[in-house]
């Protein structure tokens, strides 16, 4: 498995975690921040999770060969 692919996987996972934590704190805090950024943060979290899954799939497929 390529070192670059591992780096991208870790980066995608850390970014997903960061967006998730920001969304959770924003939701707990409520108010204007949650109203303004709540849906946008959820949108980014879902897409980052999809990216992480695609990278895991690529890593799995390349390690089989």
N, C-alpha and C. Protein backbone atom coordinates (compact mmCIF):
# COMPACT_ATOMS: atom_id res chain seq x y z
N UNK A 1 0.84 -1.17 0.00
CA UNK A 1 0.00 0.00 0.00
C UNK A 1 0.89 1.23 0.00
N UNK A 2 0.53 2.18 -0.79
CA UNK A 2 1.30 3.39 -0.95
C UNK A 2 1.24 4.25 0.31
N UNK A 3 2.38 4.86 0.64
CA UNK A 3 2.42 5.75 1.79
C UNK A 3 1.53 6.96 1.61
N UNK A 4 1.39 7.41 0.36
CA UNK A 4 0.53 8.55 0.07
C UNK A 4 -0.93 8.20 0.32
N UNK A 5 -1.33 6.98 -0.02
CA UNK A 5 -2.70 6.53 0.20
C UNK A 5 -3.00 6.45 1.70
N UNK A 6 -2.04 5.97 2.46
CA UNK A 6 -2.21 5.91 3.91
C UNK A 6 -2.36 7.32 4.48
N UNK A 7 -1.54 8.24 3.99
CA UNK A 7 -1.63 9.63 4.43
C UNK A 7 -3.01 10.21 4.13
N UNK A 8 -3.53 9.95 2.92
CA UNK A 8 -4.86 10.45 2.56
C UNK A 8 -5.96 9.84 3.42
N UNK A 9 -5.82 8.54 3.74
CA UNK A 9 -6.81 7.89 4.60
C UNK A 9 -6.81 8.51 5.98
N UNK A 10 -5.64 8.73 6.55
CA UNK A 10 -5.55 9.33 7.88
C UNK A 10 -6.09 10.75 7.86
N UNK A 11 -5.75 11.49 6.81
CA UNK A 11 -6.24 12.86 6.68
C UNK A 11 -7.77 12.90 6.59
N UNK A 12 -8.35 12.00 5.83
CA UNK A 12 -9.81 11.94 5.70
C UNK A 12 -10.47 11.58 7.03
N UNK A 13 -9.87 10.65 7.77
CA UNK A 13 -10.44 10.26 9.05
C UNK A 13 -10.34 11.39 10.08
N UNK A 14 -9.21 12.08 10.12
CA UNK A 14 -9.05 13.19 11.05
C UNK A 14 -9.99 14.34 10.69
N UNK A 15 -10.14 14.62 9.41
CA UNK A 15 -11.05 15.68 8.98
C UNK A 15 -12.49 15.33 9.34
N UNK A 16 -12.87 14.07 9.15
CA UNK A 16 -14.22 13.64 9.52
C UNK A 16 -14.45 13.80 11.01
N UNK A 17 -13.47 13.39 11.81
CA UNK A 17 -13.59 13.52 13.25
C UNK A 17 -13.68 14.99 13.67
N UNK A 18 -12.89 15.85 13.04
CA UNK A 18 -12.92 17.27 13.39
C UNK A 18 -14.28 17.89 13.07
N UNK A 19 -14.82 17.58 11.91
CA UNK A 19 -16.12 18.12 11.53
C UNK A 19 -17.21 17.56 12.44
N UNK A 20 -17.12 16.29 12.79
CA UNK A 20 -18.08 15.69 13.70
C UNK A 20 -18.06 16.37 15.06
N UNK A 21 -16.88 16.60 15.61
CA UNK A 21 -16.77 17.24 16.92
C UNK A 21 -17.28 18.68 16.86
N UNK A 22 -16.95 19.40 15.79
CA UNK A 22 -17.46 20.76 15.64
C UNK A 22 -18.98 20.77 15.58
N UNK A 23 -19.55 19.82 14.86
CA UNK A 23 -21.00 19.73 14.76
C UNK A 23 -21.65 19.39 16.08
N UNK A 24 -21.04 18.48 16.84
CA UNK A 24 -21.60 18.11 18.14
C UNK A 24 -21.55 19.28 19.12
N UNK A 25 -20.43 19.97 19.16
CA UNK A 25 -20.33 21.13 20.06
C UNK A 25 -21.27 22.25 19.61
N UNK A 26 -21.40 22.44 18.31
CA UNK A 26 -22.32 23.45 17.81
C UNK A 26 -23.76 23.12 18.14
N UNK A 27 -24.12 21.83 18.03
CA UNK A 27 -25.47 21.42 18.36
C UNK A 27 -25.74 21.56 19.86
N UNK A 28 -24.75 21.21 20.67
CA UNK A 28 -24.92 21.34 22.12
C UNK A 28 -25.02 22.80 22.53
N UNK A 29 -24.26 23.63 21.85
CA UNK A 29 -24.28 25.06 22.15
C UNK A 29 -25.56 25.71 21.66
N UNK A 30 -26.04 25.27 20.50
CA UNK A 30 -27.27 25.81 19.93
C UNK A 30 -27.08 27.23 19.44
N UNK A 31 -28.16 27.94 19.34
CA UNK A 31 -28.10 29.35 18.98
C UNK A 31 -27.79 29.59 17.52
N UNK A 32 -27.17 30.75 17.27
CA UNK A 32 -26.91 31.19 15.90
C UNK A 32 -25.92 30.30 15.17
N UNK A 33 -24.89 29.82 15.88
CA UNK A 33 -23.88 28.98 15.22
C UNK A 33 -24.52 27.73 14.65
N UNK A 34 -25.33 27.07 15.47
CA UNK A 34 -25.97 25.83 15.00
C UNK A 34 -26.95 26.11 13.87
N UNK A 35 -27.68 27.19 13.97
CA UNK A 35 -28.64 27.52 12.92
C UNK A 35 -27.93 27.83 11.60
N UNK A 36 -26.78 28.47 11.71
CA UNK A 36 -26.07 28.89 10.49
C UNK A 36 -25.23 27.77 9.89
N UNK A 37 -24.57 26.96 10.73
CA UNK A 37 -23.59 25.99 10.23
C UNK A 37 -23.96 24.52 10.45
N UNK A 38 -25.04 24.22 11.14
CA UNK A 38 -25.38 22.84 11.47
C UNK A 38 -25.53 21.94 10.26
N UNK A 39 -26.35 22.37 9.30
CA UNK A 39 -26.56 21.55 8.10
C UNK A 39 -25.32 21.47 7.24
N UNK A 40 -24.57 22.56 7.17
CA UNK A 40 -23.35 22.58 6.37
C UNK A 40 -22.31 21.61 6.95
N UNK A 41 -22.20 21.58 8.28
CA UNK A 41 -21.25 20.65 8.92
C UNK A 41 -21.67 19.20 8.69
N UNK A 42 -22.97 18.93 8.75
CA UNK A 42 -23.44 17.57 8.49
C UNK A 42 -23.14 17.18 7.04
N UNK A 43 -23.34 18.12 6.11
CA UNK A 43 -23.05 17.87 4.70
C UNK A 43 -21.59 17.50 4.52
N UNK A 44 -20.69 18.25 5.13
CA UNK A 44 -19.25 17.97 5.02
C UNK A 44 -18.89 16.65 5.69
N UNK A 45 -19.51 16.34 6.83
CA UNK A 45 -19.20 15.09 7.52
C UNK A 45 -19.55 13.89 6.65
N UNK A 46 -20.71 13.92 6.04
CA UNK A 46 -21.14 12.80 5.20
C UNK A 46 -20.20 12.62 4.02
N UNK A 47 -19.83 13.71 3.39
CA UNK A 47 -18.94 13.60 2.24
C UNK A 47 -17.54 13.16 2.62
N UNK A 48 -17.06 13.61 3.76
CA UNK A 48 -15.75 13.15 4.21
C UNK A 48 -15.77 11.67 4.58
N UNK A 49 -16.89 11.20 5.13
CA UNK A 49 -17.01 9.77 5.40
C UNK A 49 -17.01 8.96 4.11
N UNK A 50 -17.69 9.45 3.10
CA UNK A 50 -17.69 8.77 1.80
C UNK A 50 -16.28 8.73 1.23
N UNK A 51 -15.56 9.85 1.33
CA UNK A 51 -14.17 9.89 0.85
C UNK A 51 -13.32 8.87 1.61
N UNK A 52 -13.47 8.79 2.92
CA UNK A 52 -12.69 7.83 3.71
C UNK A 52 -13.01 6.40 3.28
N UNK A 53 -14.28 6.11 3.05
CA UNK A 53 -14.66 4.76 2.61
C UNK A 53 -14.10 4.43 1.24
N UNK A 54 -14.10 5.40 0.34
CA UNK A 54 -13.53 5.18 -1.00
C UNK A 54 -12.03 4.91 -0.89
N UNK A 55 -11.35 5.67 -0.03
CA UNK A 55 -9.91 5.45 0.14
C UNK A 55 -9.63 4.08 0.77
N UNK A 56 -10.44 3.66 1.73
CA UNK A 56 -10.28 2.32 2.30
C UNK A 56 -10.50 1.25 1.24
N UNK A 57 -11.49 1.45 0.38
CA UNK A 57 -11.76 0.49 -0.68
C UNK A 57 -10.58 0.42 -1.65
N UNK A 58 -10.05 1.57 -2.02
CA UNK A 58 -8.87 1.59 -2.89
C UNK A 58 -7.69 0.87 -2.24
N UNK A 59 -7.47 1.11 -0.97
CA UNK A 59 -6.37 0.46 -0.27
C UNK A 59 -6.58 -1.06 -0.23
N UNK A 60 -7.81 -1.49 -0.01
CA UNK A 60 -8.11 -2.91 0.02
C UNK A 60 -7.87 -3.55 -1.36
N UNK A 61 -8.36 -2.87 -2.40
CA UNK A 61 -8.22 -3.43 -3.74
C UNK A 61 -6.77 -3.46 -4.19
N UNK A 62 -5.98 -2.47 -3.84
CA UNK A 62 -4.58 -2.44 -4.26
C UNK A 62 -3.74 -3.42 -3.44
N UNK A 63 -4.17 -3.73 -2.23
CA UNK A 63 -3.39 -4.68 -1.43
C UNK A 63 -3.64 -6.11 -1.85
N UNK A 64 -4.73 -6.39 -2.56
CA UNK A 64 -5.05 -7.74 -3.02
C UNK A 64 -4.20 -8.16 -4.21
N UNK A 65 -3.70 -7.21 -4.95
CA UNK A 65 -2.95 -7.55 -6.16
C UNK A 65 -1.50 -7.86 -5.86
